[in-house]
Amino acid sequence: MVQLLTSQSDFDALCDEIRAAGIVGFDTEFLSEYTYRPDLCLMQFATPARNVIVDPLVVPDLTRWWELMADDQTRIIVHGSREEIRFCFTNLRRPPRLVWDIQVAEGLRGRSFPLGY
């Protein structure tokens, strides 16, 4: 079951959970067809304990997440992370640190790049 988070307090608690776990799967959905920068529409997280989606249009401050992405203690597992990295850099002015992109990893293993799910 996936839980939808729409409040700042629930989002902050999720960030605490991610920090304690030290690892999270992360993905975004965004619109970029008619904008200079992509508009973030949905954030998806998989912690060791649960799967969560966050509505970034109603959670007013996502800074705690971008700080987790840029720290050197939280491993972020992604697939095709170009825009996720861009969101972090745009919102925090720092690049993410421990991003593990499984699409890139498979390309380095010798399979074709980009490789779908």
PDB file of N, CA and C in Angstrom:
ATOM      1  N   MET A   1       0.842  -1.178   0.000  1.00  0.00           N
ATOM      2  CA  MET A   1       0.000   0.000   0.000  1.00  0.00           C
ATOM      3  C   MET A   1       0.890   1.245   0.000  1.00  0.00           C
ATOM      4  N   VAL A   2       0.501   2.222  -0.769  1.00  0.00           N
ATOM      5  CA  VAL A   2       1.236   3.478  -0.877  1.00  0.00           C
ATOM      6  C   VAL A   2       0.482   4.553  -0.107  1.00  0.00           C
ATOM      7  N   GLN A   3       1.216   5.320   0.663  1.00  0.00           N
ATOM      8  CA  GLN A   3       0.617   6.384   1.467  1.00  0.00           C
ATOM      9  C   GLN A   3       0.887   7.725   0.803  1.00  0.00           C
ATOM     10  N   LEU A   4      -0.132   8.591   0.716  1.00  0.00           N
ATOM     11  CA  LEU A   4      -0.005   9.941   0.167  1.00  0.00           C
ATOM     12  C   LEU A   4       0.208  10.921   1.312  1.00  0.00           C
ATOM     13  N   LEU A   5       1.294  11.700   1.249  1.00  0.00           N
ATOM     14  CA  LEU A   5       1.566  12.718   2.250  1.00  0.00           C
ATOM     15  C   LEU A   5       1.264  14.097   1.671  1.00  0.00           C
ATOM     16  N   THR A   6       0.489  14.870   2.418  1.00  0.00           N
ATOM     17  CA  THR A   6       0.112  16.204   1.948  1.00  0.00           C
ATOM     18  C   THR A   6       0.337  17.280   3.005  1.00  0.00           C
ATOM     19  N   SER A   7       0.968  16.930   4.129  1.00  0.00           N
ATOM     20  CA  SER A   7       1.198  17.933   5.169  1.00  0.00           C
ATOM     21  C   SER A   7       2.694  18.072   5.437  1.00  0.00           C
ATOM     22  N   GLN A   8       3.076  19.246   5.899  1.00  0.00           N
ATOM     23  CA  GLN A   8       4.481  19.497   6.210  1.00  0.00           C
ATOM     24  C   GLN A   8       4.969  18.588   7.327  1.00  0.00           C
ATOM     25  N   SER A   9       4.155  18.390   8.354  1.00  0.00           N
ATOM     26  CA  SER A   9       4.590  17.559   9.478  1.00  0.00           C
ATOM     27  C   SER A   9       4.810  16.103   9.053  1.00  0.00           C
ATOM     28  N   ASP A  10       3.931  15.566   8.206  1.00  0.00           N
ATOM     29  CA  ASP A  10       4.120  14.200   7.715  1.00  0.00           C
ATOM     30  C   ASP A  10       5.364  14.095   6.840  1.00  0.00           C
ATOM     31  N   PHE A  11       5.610  15.119   6.027  1.00  0.00           N
ATOM     32  CA  PHE A  11       6.795  15.132   5.175  1.00  0.00           C
ATOM     33  C   PHE A  11       8.068  15.191   6.019  1.00  0.00           C
ATOM     34  N   ASP A  12       8.067  16.036   7.054  1.00  0.00           N
ATOM     35  CA  ASP A  12       9.229  16.136   7.936  1.00  0.00           C
ATOM     36  C   ASP A  12       9.493  14.816   8.653  1.00  0.00           C
ATOM     37  N   ALA A  13       8.437  14.128   9.061  1.00  0.00           N
ATOM     38  CA  ALA A  13       8.585  12.814   9.698  1.00  0.00           C
ATOM     39  C   ALA A  13       9.176  11.803   8.717  1.00  0.00           C
ATOM     40  N   LEU A  14       8.759  11.872   7.459  1.00  0.00           N
ATOM     41  CA  LEU A  14       9.328  11.002   6.426  1.00  0.00           C
ATOM     42  C   LEU A  14      10.822  11.266   6.286  1.00  0.00           C
ATOM     43  N   CYS A  15      11.216  12.520   6.259  1.00  0.00           N
ATOM     44  CA  CYS A  15      12.636  12.865   6.154  1.00  0.00           C
ATOM     45  C   CYS A  15      13.419  12.320   7.344  1.00  0.00           C
ATOM     46  N   ASP A  16      12.837  12.372   8.541  1.00  0.00           N
ATOM     47  CA  ASP A  16      13.475  11.789   9.725  1.00  0.00           C
ATOM     48  C   ASP A  16      13.648  10.276   9.551  1.00  0.00           C
ATOM     49  N   GLU A  17      12.618   9.636   9.022  1.00  0.00           N
ATOM     50  CA  GLU A  17      12.664   8.184   8.787  1.00  0.00           C
ATOM     51  C   GLU A  17      13.755   7.836   7.778  1.00  0.00           C
ATOM     52  N   ILE A  18      13.849   8.618   6.707  1.00  0.00           N
ATOM     53  CA  ILE A  18      14.867   8.380   5.678  1.00  0.00           C
ATOM     54  C   ILE A  18      16.264   8.570   6.262  1.00  0.00           C
ATOM     55  N   ARG A  19      16.451   9.634   7.028  1.00  0.00           N
ATOM     56  CA  ARG A  19      17.763   9.886   7.641  1.00  0.00           C
ATOM     57  C   ARG A  19      18.161   8.717   8.543  1.00  0.00           C
ATOM     58  N   ALA A  20      17.229   8.212   9.336  1.00  0.00           N
ATOM     59  CA  ALA A  20      17.518   7.098  10.243  1.00  0.00           C
ATOM     60  C   ALA A  20      17.849   5.823   9.462  1.00  0.00           C
ATOM     61  N   ALA A  21      17.153   5.590   8.344  1.00  0.00           N
ATOM     62  CA  ALA A  21      17.383   4.385   7.548  1.00  0.00           C
ATOM     63  C   ALA A  21      18.697   4.474   6.775  1.00  0.00           C
ATOM     64  N   GLY A  22      19.046   5.674   6.312  1.00  0.00           N
ATOM     65  CA  GLY A  22      20.275   5.855   5.552  1.00  0.00           C
ATOM     66  C   GLY A  22      20.180   5.475   4.093  1.00  0.00           C
ATOM     67  N   ILE A  23      19.003   5.047   3.657  1.00  0.00           N
ATOM     68  CA  ILE A  23      18.817   4.647   2.265  1.00  0.00           C
ATOM     69  C   ILE A  23      17.362   4.849   1.874  1.00  0.00           C
ATOM     70  N   VAL A  24      17.142   5.217   0.590  1.00  0.00           N
ATOM     71  CA  VAL A  24      15.783   5.407   0.093  1.00  0.00           C
ATOM     72  C   VAL A  24      15.778   5.297  -1.428  1.00  0.00           C
ATOM     73  N   GLY A  25      14.714   4.731  -1.954  1.00  0.00           N
ATOM     74  CA  GLY A  25      14.460   4.789  -3.385  1.00  0.00           C
ATOM     75  C   GLY A  25      13.684   6.066  -3.674  1.00  0.00           C
ATOM     76  N   PHE A  26      14.024   6.765  -4.758  1.00  0.00           N
ATOM     77  CA  PHE A  26      13.428   8.068  -5.031  1.00  0.00           C
ATOM     78  C   PHE A  26      13.160   8.223  -6.512  1.00  0.00           C
ATOM     79  N   ASP A  27      12.009   8.811  -6.826  1.00  0.00           N
ATOM     80  CA  ASP A  27      11.642   9.120  -8.207  1.00  0.00           C
ATOM     81  C   ASP A  27      10.726  10.329  -8.188  1.00  0.00           C
ATOM     82  N   THR A  28      10.662  11.021  -9.302  1.00  0.00           N
ATOM     83  CA  THR A  28       9.777  12.172  -9.437  1.00  0.00           C
ATOM     84  C   THR A  28       8.951  12.044 -10.700  1.00  0.00           C
ATOM     85  N   GLU A  29       7.882  12.774 -10.711  1.00  0.00           N
ATOM     86  CA  GLU A  29       7.105  13.010 -11.919  1.00  0.00           C
ATOM     87  C   GLU A  29       7.076  14.525 -12.091  1.00  0.00           C
ATOM     88  N   PHE A  30       7.196  14.977 -13.312  1.00  0.00           N
ATOM     89  CA  PHE A  30       7.286  16.410 -13.562  1.00  0.00           C
ATOM     90  C   PHE A  30       6.784  16.736 -14.961  1.00  0.00           C
ATOM     91  N   LEU A  31       6.500  18.006 -15.171  1.00  0.00           N
ATOM     92  CA  LEU A  31       6.126  18.516 -16.489  1.00  0.00           C
ATOM     93  C   LEU A  31       7.240  19.427 -16.969  1.00  0.00           C
ATOM     94  N   SER A  32       7.644  19.247 -18.222  1.00  0.00           N
ATOM     95  CA  SER A  32       8.716  20.093 -18.740  1.00  0.00           C
ATOM     96  C   SER A  32       8.498  20.545 -20.176  1.00  0.00           C
ATOM     97  N   GLU A  33       7.375  20.201 -20.747  1.00  0.00           N
ATOM     98  CA  GLU A  33       7.163  20.492 -22.156  1.00  0.00           C
ATOM     99  C   GLU A  33       7.073  21.983 -22.470  1.00  0.00           C
ATOM    100  N   TYR A  34       6.479  22.756 -21.581  1.00  0.00           N
ATOM    101  CA  TYR A  34       6.232  24.164 -21.890  1.00  0.00           C
ATOM    102  C   TYR A  34       6.872  25.108 -20.876  1.00  0.00           C
ATOM    103  N   THR A  35       7.908  24.646 -20.185  1.00  0.00           N
ATOM    104  CA  THR A  35       8.528  25.471 -19.162  1.00  0.00           C
ATOM    105  C   THR A  35      10.042  25.511 -19.363  1.00  0.00           C
ATOM    106  N   TYR A  36      10.666  26.567 -18.873  1.00  0.00           N
ATOM    107  CA  TYR A  36      12.123  26.667 -18.926  1.00  0.00           C
ATOM    108  C   TYR A  36      12.753  25.631 -17.993  1.00  0.00           C
ATOM    109  N   ARG A  37      12.212  25.516 -16.788  1.00  0.00           N
ATOM    110  CA  ARG A  37      12.631  24.499 -15.828  1.00  0.00           C
ATOM    111  C   ARG A  37      11.456  23.555 -15.593  1.00  0.00           C
ATOM    112  N   PRO A  38      11.727  22.279 -15.374  1.00  0.00           N
ATOM    113  CA  PRO A  38      10.627  21.341 -15.116  1.00  0.00           C
ATOM    114  C   PRO A  38       9.853  21.716 -13.856  1.00  0.00           C
ATOM    115  N   ASP A  39       8.556  21.487 -13.891  1.00  0.00           N
ATOM    116  CA  ASP A  39       7.694  21.698 -12.725  1.00  0.00           C
ATOM    117  C   ASP A  39       7.525  20.362 -12.010  1.00  0.00           C
ATOM    118  N   LEU A  40       7.930  20.314 -10.759  1.00  0.00           N
ATOM    119  CA  LEU A  40       7.820  19.103  -9.954  1.00  0.00           C
ATOM    120  C   LEU A  40       6.356  18.864  -9.605  1.00  0.00           C
ATOM    121  N   CYS A  41       5.858  17.667  -9.924  1.00  0.00           N
ATOM    122  CA  CYS A  41       4.439  17.358  -9.711  1.00  0.00           C
ATOM    123  C   CYS A  41       4.199  16.258  -8.685  1.00  0.00           C
ATOM    124  N   LEU A  42       5.161  15.361  -8.491  1.00  0.00           N
ATOM    125  CA  LEU A  42       4.980  14.242  -7.581  1.00  0.00           C
ATOM    126  C   LEU A  42       6.349  13.722  -7.162  1.00  0.00           C
ATOM    127  N   MET A  43       6.472  13.353  -5.896  1.00  0.00           N
ATOM    128  CA  MET A  43       7.697  12.742  -5.379  1.00  0.00           C
ATOM    129  C   MET A  43       7.335  11.364  -4.841  1.00  0.00           C
ATOM    130  N   GLN A  44       8.153  10.363  -5.163  1.00  0.00           N
ATOM    131  CA  GLN A  44       7.889   8.994  -4.751  1.00  0.00           C
ATOM    132  C   GLN A  44       9.086   8.469  -3.968  1.00  0.00           C
ATOM    133  N   PHE A  45       8.824   7.872  -2.809  1.00  0.00           N
ATOM    134  CA  PHE A  45       9.870   7.379  -1.932  1.00  0.00           C
ATOM    135  C   PHE A  45       9.586   5.934  -1.547  1.00  0.00           C
ATOM    136  N   ALA A  46      10.634   5.132  -1.494  1.00  0.00           N
ATOM    137  CA  ALA A  46      10.543   3.763  -0.983  1.00  0.00           C
ATOM    138  C   ALA A  46      11.578   3.624   0.119  1.00  0.00           C
ATOM    139  N   THR A  47      11.111   3.560   1.351  1.00  0.00           N
ATOM    140  CA  THR A  47      11.998   3.343   2.497  1.00  0.00           C
ATOM    141  C   THR A  47      11.996   1.851   2.801  1.00  0.00           C
ATOM    142  N   PRO A  48      12.873   1.401   3.680  1.00  0.00           N
ATOM    143  CA  PRO A  48      12.804  -0.015   4.056  1.00  0.00           C
ATOM    144  C   PRO A  48      11.460  -0.412   4.676  1.00  0.00           C
ATOM    145  N   ALA A  49      10.716   0.564   5.219  1.00  0.00           N
ATOM    146  CA  ALA A  49       9.472   0.261   5.914  1.00  0.00           C
ATOM    147  C   ALA A  49       8.208   0.498   5.091  1.00  0.00           C
ATOM    148  N   ARG A  50       8.256   1.406   4.104  1.00  0.00           N
ATOM    149  CA  ARG A  50       7.009   1.739   3.412  1.00  0.00           C
ATOM    150  C   ARG A  50       7.269   2.471   2.104  1.00  0.00           C
ATOM    151  N   ASN A  51       6.208   2.573   1.292  1.00  0.00           N
ATOM    152  CA  ASN A  51       6.211   3.343   0.052  1.00  0.00           C
ATOM    153  C   ASN A  51       5.328   4.565   0.234  1.00  0.00           C
ATOM    154  N   VAL A  52       5.843   5.722  -0.160  1.00  0.00           N
ATOM    155  CA  VAL A  52       5.164   6.982   0.098  1.00  0.00           C
ATOM    156  C   VAL A  52       5.216   7.851  -1.156  1.00  0.00           C
ATOM    157  N   ILE A  53       4.130   8.555  -1.422  1.00  0.00           N
ATOM    158  CA  ILE A  53       4.160   9.606  -2.434  1.00  0.00           C
ATOM    159  C   ILE A  53       3.856  10.927  -1.734  1.00  0.00           C
ATOM    160  N   VAL A  54       4.481  11.972  -2.248  1.00  0.00           N
ATOM    161  CA  VAL A  54       4.340  13.301  -1.665  1.00  0.00           C
ATOM    162  C   VAL A  54       3.852  14.236  -2.749  1.00  0.00           C
ATOM    163  N   ASP A  55       2.855  15.038  -2.409  1.00  0.00           N
ATOM    164  CA  ASP A  55       2.362  16.057  -3.322  1.00  0.00           C
ATOM    165  C   ASP A  55       3.143  17.342  -3.065  1.00  0.00           C
ATOM    166  N   PRO A  56       4.128  17.667  -3.917  1.00  0.00           N
ATOM    167  CA  PRO A  56       4.943  18.853  -3.678  1.00  0.00           C
ATOM    168  C   PRO A  56       4.200  20.158  -3.940  1.00  0.00           C
ATOM    169  N   LEU A  57       3.007  20.066  -4.491  1.00  0.00           N
ATOM    170  CA  LEU A  57       2.217  21.273  -4.740  1.00  0.00           C
ATOM    171  C   LEU A  57       1.501  21.743  -3.487  1.00  0.00           C
ATOM    172  N   VAL A  58       1.396  20.870  -2.470  1.00  0.00           N
ATOM    173  CA  VAL A  58       0.720  21.267  -1.226  1.00  0.00           C
ATOM    174  C   VAL A  58       1.637  21.237   0.001  1.00  0.00           C
ATOM    175  N   VAL A  59       2.766  20.557  -0.097  1.00  0.00           N
ATOM    176  CA  VAL A  59       3.752  20.597   0.993  1.00  0.00           C
ATOM    177  C   VAL A  59       4.622  21.827   0.735  1.00  0.00           C
ATOM    178  N   PRO A  60       4.575  22.812   1.621  1.00  0.00           N
ATOM    179  CA  PRO A  60       5.187  24.103   1.300  1.00  0.00           C
ATOM    180  C   PRO A  60       6.710  24.137   1.286  1.00  0.00           C
ATOM    181  N   ASP A  61       7.379  23.278   2.065  1.00  0.00           N
ATOM    182  CA  ASP A  61       8.834  23.372   2.170  1.00  0.00           C
ATOM    183  C   ASP A  61       9.462  21.992   2.024  1.00  0.00           C
ATOM    184  N   LEU A  62      10.163  21.782   0.919  1.00  0.00           N
ATOM    185  CA  LEU A  62      10.806  20.499   0.631  1.00  0.00           C
ATOM    186  C   LEU A  62      12.293  20.522   0.945  1.00  0.00           C
ATOM    187  N   THR A  63      12.768  21.566   1.591  1.00  0.00           N
ATOM    188  CA  THR A  63      14.196  21.760   1.843  1.00  0.00           C
ATOM    189  C   THR A  63      14.828  20.582   2.569  1.00  0.00           C
ATOM    190  N   ARG A  64      14.133  20.014   3.543  1.00  0.00           N
ATOM    191  CA  ARG A  64      14.724  18.902   4.297  1.00  0.00           C
ATOM    192  C   ARG A  64      15.080  17.731   3.392  1.00  0.00           C
ATOM    193  N   TRP A  65      14.252  17.488   2.380  1.00  0.00           N
ATOM    194  CA  TRP A  65      14.577  16.404   1.450  1.00  0.00           C
ATOM    195  C   TRP A  65      15.806  16.745   0.619  1.00  0.00           C
ATOM    196  N   TRP A  66      15.864  17.947   0.086  1.00  0.00           N
ATOM    197  CA  TRP A  66      17.016  18.320  -0.744  1.00  0.00           C
ATOM    198  C   TRP A  66      18.298  18.266   0.090  1.00  0.00           C
ATOM    199  N   GLU A  67      18.221  18.616   1.373  1.00  0.00           N
ATOM    200  CA  GLU A  67      19.384  18.508   2.255  1.00  0.00           C
ATOM    201  C   GLU A  67      19.809  17.052   2.450  1.00  0.00           C
ATOM    202  N   LEU A  68      18.840  16.151   2.554  1.00  0.00           N
ATOM    203  CA  LEU A  68      19.170  14.720   2.638  1.00  0.00           C
ATOM    204  C   LEU A  68      19.855  14.246   1.363  1.00  0.00           C
ATOM    205  N   MET A  69      19.374  14.695   0.221  1.00  0.00           N
ATOM    206  CA  MET A  69      19.991  14.309  -1.050  1.00  0.00           C
ATOM    207  C   MET A  69      21.430  14.780  -1.141  1.00  0.00           C
ATOM    208  N   ALA A  70      21.733  15.910  -0.527  1.00  0.00           N
ATOM    209  CA  ALA A  70      23.065  16.497  -0.636  1.00  0.00           C
ATOM    210  C   ALA A  70      23.988  16.109   0.514  1.00  0.00           C
ATOM    211  N   ASP A  71      23.494  15.330   1.482  1.00  0.00           N
ATOM    212  CA  ASP A  71      24.397  14.958   2.570  1.00  0.00           C
ATOM    213  C   ASP A  71      25.243  13.751   2.154  1.00  0.00           C
ATOM    214  N   ASP A  72      26.195  13.399   2.972  1.00  0.00           N
ATOM    215  CA  ASP A  72      27.069  12.277   2.630  1.00  0.00           C
ATOM    216  C   ASP A  72      26.787  11.053   3.507  1.00  0.00           C
ATOM    217  N   GLN A  73      25.529  10.949   3.964  1.00  0.00           N
ATOM    218  CA  GLN A  73      25.142   9.825   4.813  1.00  0.00           C
ATOM    219  C   GLN A  73      23.936   9.065   4.282  1.00  0.00           C
ATOM    220  N   THR A  74      23.179   9.661   3.361  1.00  0.00           N
ATOM    221  CA  THR A  74      21.947   9.046   2.882  1.00  0.00           C
ATOM    222  C   THR A  74      22.134   8.579   1.449  1.00  0.00           C
ATOM    223  N   ARG A  75      21.995   7.281   1.240  1.00  0.00           N
ATOM    224  CA  ARG A  75      22.121   6.711  -0.100  1.00  0.00           C
ATOM    225  C   ARG A  75      20.771   6.826  -0.801  1.00  0.00           C
ATOM    226  N   ILE A  76      20.769   7.433  -1.992  1.00  0.00           N
ATOM    227  CA  ILE A  76      19.563   7.650  -2.781  1.00  0.00           C
ATOM    228  C   ILE A  76      19.637   6.738  -4.010  1.00  0.00           C
ATOM    229  N   ILE A  77      18.679   5.830  -4.144  1.00  0.00           N
ATOM    230  CA  ILE A  77      18.628   4.911  -5.284  1.00  0.00           C
ATOM    231  C   ILE A  77      17.610   5.461  -6.275  1.00  0.00           C
ATOM    232  N   VAL A  78      18.045   5.656  -7.522  1.00  0.00           N
ATOM    233  CA  VAL A  78      17.190   6.254  -8.542  1.00  0.00           C
ATOM    234  C   VAL A  78      17.336   5.493  -9.850  1.00  0.00           C
ATOM    235  N   HIS A  79      16.488   5.819 -10.803  1.00  0.00           N
ATOM    236  CA  HIS A  79      16.573   5.285 -12.162  1.00  0.00           C
ATOM    237  C   HIS A  79      16.426   6.453 -13.121  1.00  0.00           C
ATOM    238  N   GLY A  80      17.480   6.767 -13.854  1.00  0.00           N
ATOM    239  CA  GLY A  80      17.421   7.898 -14.780  1.00  0.00           C
ATOM    240  C   GLY A  80      17.283   9.208 -14.020  1.00  0.00           C
ATOM    241  N   SER A  81      18.317   9.580 -13.282  1.00  0.00           N
ATOM    242  CA  SER A  81      18.198  10.640 -12.271  1.00  0.00           C
ATOM    243  C   SER A  81      18.502  12.057 -12.736  1.00  0.00           C
ATOM    244  N   ARG A  82      18.566  12.297 -14.006  1.00  0.00           N
ATOM    245  CA  ARG A  82      18.952  13.628 -14.473  1.00  0.00           C
ATOM    246  C   ARG A  82      18.096  14.728 -13.861  1.00  0.00           C
ATOM    247  N   GLU A  83      16.793  14.588 -13.897  1.00  0.00           N
ATOM    248  CA  GLU A  83      15.922  15.651 -13.378  1.00  0.00           C
ATOM    249  C   GLU A  83      15.927  15.696 -11.852  1.00  0.00           C
ATOM    250  N   GLU A  84      16.039  14.544 -11.196  1.00  0.00           N
ATOM    251  CA  GLU A  84      16.107  14.537  -9.737  1.00  0.00           C
ATOM    252  C   GLU A  84      17.344  15.305  -9.263  1.00  0.00           C
ATOM    253  N   ILE A  85      18.474  15.096  -9.939  1.00  0.00           N
ATOM    254  CA  ILE A  85      19.701  15.832  -9.624  1.00  0.00           C
ATOM    255  C   ILE A  85      19.495  17.322  -9.886  1.00  0.00           C
ATOM    256  N   ARG A  86      18.857  17.621 -10.979  1.00  0.00           N
ATOM    257  CA  ARG A  86      18.596  19.024 -11.326  1.00  0.00           C
ATOM    258  C   ARG A  86      17.707  19.705 -10.279  1.00  0.00           C
ATOM    259  N   PHE A  87      16.665  19.007  -9.813  1.00  0.00           N
ATOM    260  CA  PHE A  87      15.796  19.577  -8.779  1.00  0.00           C
ATOM    261  C   PHE A  87      16.593  19.873  -7.514  1.00  0.00           C
ATOM    262  N   CYS A  88      17.458  18.942  -7.115  1.00  0.00           N
ATOM    263  CA  CYS A  88      18.265  19.144  -5.911  1.00  0.00           C
ATOM    264  C   CYS A  88      19.160  20.369  -6.074  1.00  0.00           C
ATOM    265  N   PHE A  89      19.857  20.444  -7.182  1.00  0.00           N
ATOM    266  CA  PHE A  89      20.776  21.561  -7.394  1.00  0.00           C
ATOM    267  C   PHE A  89      20.025  22.892  -7.490  1.00  0.00           C
ATOM    268  N   THR A  90      18.897  22.906  -8.166  1.00  0.00           N
ATOM    269  CA  THR A  90      18.109  24.129  -8.323  1.00  0.00           C
ATOM    270  C   THR A  90      17.562  24.610  -6.979  1.00  0.00           C
ATOM    271  N   ASN A  91      17.097  23.680  -6.151  1.00  0.00           N
ATOM    272  CA  ASN A  91      16.455  24.061  -4.892  1.00  0.00           C
ATOM    273  C   ASN A  91      17.425  24.294  -3.743  1.00  0.00           C
ATOM    274  N   LEU A  92      18.591  23.674  -3.779  1.00  0.00           N
ATOM    275  CA  LEU A  92      19.528  23.773  -2.665  1.00  0.00           C
ATOM    276  C   LEU A  92      20.828  24.471  -3.050  1.00  0.00           C
ATOM    277  N   ARG A  93      21.083  24.563  -4.349  1.00  0.00           N
ATOM    278  CA  ARG A  93      22.335  25.126  -4.856  1.00  0.00           C
ATOM    279  C   ARG A  93      23.540  24.256  -4.498  1.00  0.00           C
ATOM    280  N   ARG A  94      23.276  22.970  -4.248  1.00  0.00           N
ATOM    281  CA  ARG A  94      24.335  21.992  -4.008  1.00  0.00           C
ATOM    282  C   ARG A  94      23.960  20.714  -4.746  1.00  0.00           C
ATOM    283  N   PRO A  95      24.929  19.983  -5.237  1.00  0.00           N
ATOM    284  CA  PRO A  95      24.613  18.721  -5.913  1.00  0.00           C
ATOM    285  C   PRO A  95      24.343  17.611  -4.908  1.00  0.00           C
ATOM    286  N   PRO A  96      23.616  16.591  -5.304  1.00  0.00           N
ATOM    287  CA  PRO A  96      23.446  15.424  -4.440  1.00  0.00           C
ATOM    288  C   PRO A  96      24.770  14.680  -4.299  1.00  0.00           C
ATOM    289  N   ARG A  97      24.880  13.897  -3.238  1.00  0.00           N
ATOM    290  CA  ARG A  97      26.155  13.221  -2.949  1.00  0.00           C
ATOM    291  C   ARG A  97      26.129  11.725  -3.259  1.00  0.00           C
ATOM    292  N   LEU A  98      25.281  10.975  -2.586  1.00  0.00           N
ATOM    293  CA  LEU A  98      25.310   9.512  -2.697  1.00  0.00           C
ATOM    294  C   LEU A  98      24.156   8.999  -3.554  1.00  0.00           C
ATOM    295  N   VAL A  99      24.090   9.441  -4.775  1.00  0.00           N
ATOM    296  CA  VAL A  99      23.045   9.004  -5.705  1.00  0.00           C
ATOM    297  C   VAL A  99      23.563   7.794  -6.474  1.00  0.00           C
ATOM    298  N   TRP A 100      22.790   6.736  -6.421  1.00  0.00           N
ATOM    299  CA  TRP A 100      23.106   5.514  -7.152  1.00  0.00           C
ATOM    300  C   TRP A 100      22.040   5.333  -8.224  1.00  0.00           C
ATOM    301  N   ASP A 101      22.426   5.574  -9.464  1.00  0.00           N
ATOM    302  CA  ASP A 101      21.497   5.500 -10.589  1.00  0.00           C
ATOM    303  C   ASP A 101      21.602   4.116 -11.218  1.00  0.00           C
ATOM    304  N   ILE A 102      20.563   3.311 -11.062  1.00  0.00           N
ATOM    305  CA  ILE A 102      20.617   1.935 -11.569  1.00  0.00           C
ATOM    306  C   ILE A 102      20.648   1.884 -13.088  1.00  0.00           C
ATOM    307  N   GLN A 103      20.124   2.906 -13.754  1.00  0.00           N
ATOM    308  CA  GLN A 103      20.184   2.949 -15.213  1.00  0.00           C
ATOM    309  C   GLN A 103      21.639   3.122 -15.675  1.00  0.00           C
ATOM    310  N   VAL A 104      22.353   4.020 -15.044  1.00  0.00           N
ATOM    311  CA  VAL A 104      23.761   4.236 -15.369  1.00  0.00           C
ATOM    312  C   VAL A 104      24.582   3.002 -14.998  1.00  0.00           C
ATOM    313  N   ALA A 105      24.297   2.410 -13.843  1.00  0.00           N
ATOM    314  CA  ALA A 105      25.039   1.224 -13.407  1.00  0.00           C
ATOM    315  C   ALA A 105      24.901   0.084 -14.416  1.00  0.00           C
ATOM    316  N   GLU A 106      23.711  -0.129 -14.910  1.00  0.00           N
ATOM    317  CA  GLU A 106      23.512  -1.182 -15.918  1.00  0.00           C
ATOM    318  C   GLU A 106      24.259  -0.855 -17.206  1.00  0.00           C
ATOM    319  N   GLY A 107      24.298   0.414 -17.568  1.00  0.00           N
ATOM    320  CA  GLY A 107      25.072   0.815 -18.745  1.00  0.00           C
ATOM    321  C   GLY A 107      26.553   0.522 -18.566  1.00  0.00           C
ATOM    322  N   LEU A 108      27.063   0.757 -17.371  1.00  0.00           N
ATOM    323  CA  LEU A 108      28.471   0.480 -17.085  1.00  0.00           C
ATOM    324  C   LEU A 108      28.767  -1.012 -17.026  1.00  0.00           C
ATOM    325  N   ARG A 109      27.751  -1.801 -16.726  1.00  0.00           N
ATOM    326  CA  ARG A 109      27.930  -3.260 -16.705  1.00  0.00           C
ATOM    327  C   ARG A 109      28.102  -3.829 -18.096  1.00  0.00           C
ATOM    328  N   GLY A 110      27.754  -3.048 -19.120  1.00  0.00           N
ATOM    329  CA  GLY A 110      27.947  -3.520 -20.471  1.00  0.00           C
ATOM    330  C   GLY A 110      26.690  -3.619 -21.295  1.00  0.00           C
ATOM    331  N   ARG A 111      25.539  -3.465 -20.651  1.00  0.00           N
ATOM    332  CA  ARG A 111      24.306  -3.466 -21.428  1.00  0.00           C
ATOM    333  C   ARG A 111      24.143  -2.119 -22.109  1.00  0.00           C
ATOM    334  N   SER A 112      23.213  -2.023 -23.008  1.00  0.00           N
ATOM    335  CA  SER A 112      23.020  -0.753 -23.713  1.00  0.00           C
ATOM    336  C   SER A 112      22.521   0.318 -22.767  1.00  0.00           C
ATOM    337  N   PHE A 113      22.788   1.556 -23.112  1.00  0.00           N
ATOM    338  CA  PHE A 113      22.338   2.702 -22.308  1.00  0.00           C
ATOM    339  C   PHE A 113      21.566   3.610 -23.238  1.00  0.00           C
ATOM    340  N   PRO A 114      20.439   4.141 -22.862  1.00  0.00           N
ATOM    341  CA  PRO A 114      19.760   3.935 -21.596  1.00  0.00           C
ATOM    342  C   PRO A 114      18.936   2.659 -21.614  1.00  0.00           C
ATOM    343  N   LEU A 115      18.892   2.046 -20.476  1.00  0.00           N
ATOM    344  CA  LEU A 115      18.146   0.816 -20.303  1.00  0.00           C
ATOM    345  C   LEU A 115      16.869   1.113 -19.541  1.00  0.00           C
ATOM    346  N   GLY A 116      15.729   0.641 -20.035  1.00  0.00           N
ATOM    347  CA  GLY A 116      14.451   0.879 -19.361  1.00  0.00           C
ATOM    348  C   GLY A 116      14.333   0.036 -18.100  1.00  0.00           C
ATOM    349  N   TYR A 117      13.191   0.183 -17.419  1.00  0.00           N
ATOM    350  CA  TYR A 117      12.972  -0.594 -16.218  1.00  0.00           C
ATOM    351  C   TYR A 117      13.035  -2.071 -16.519  1.00  0.00           C
TER     352      TYR A 117
END
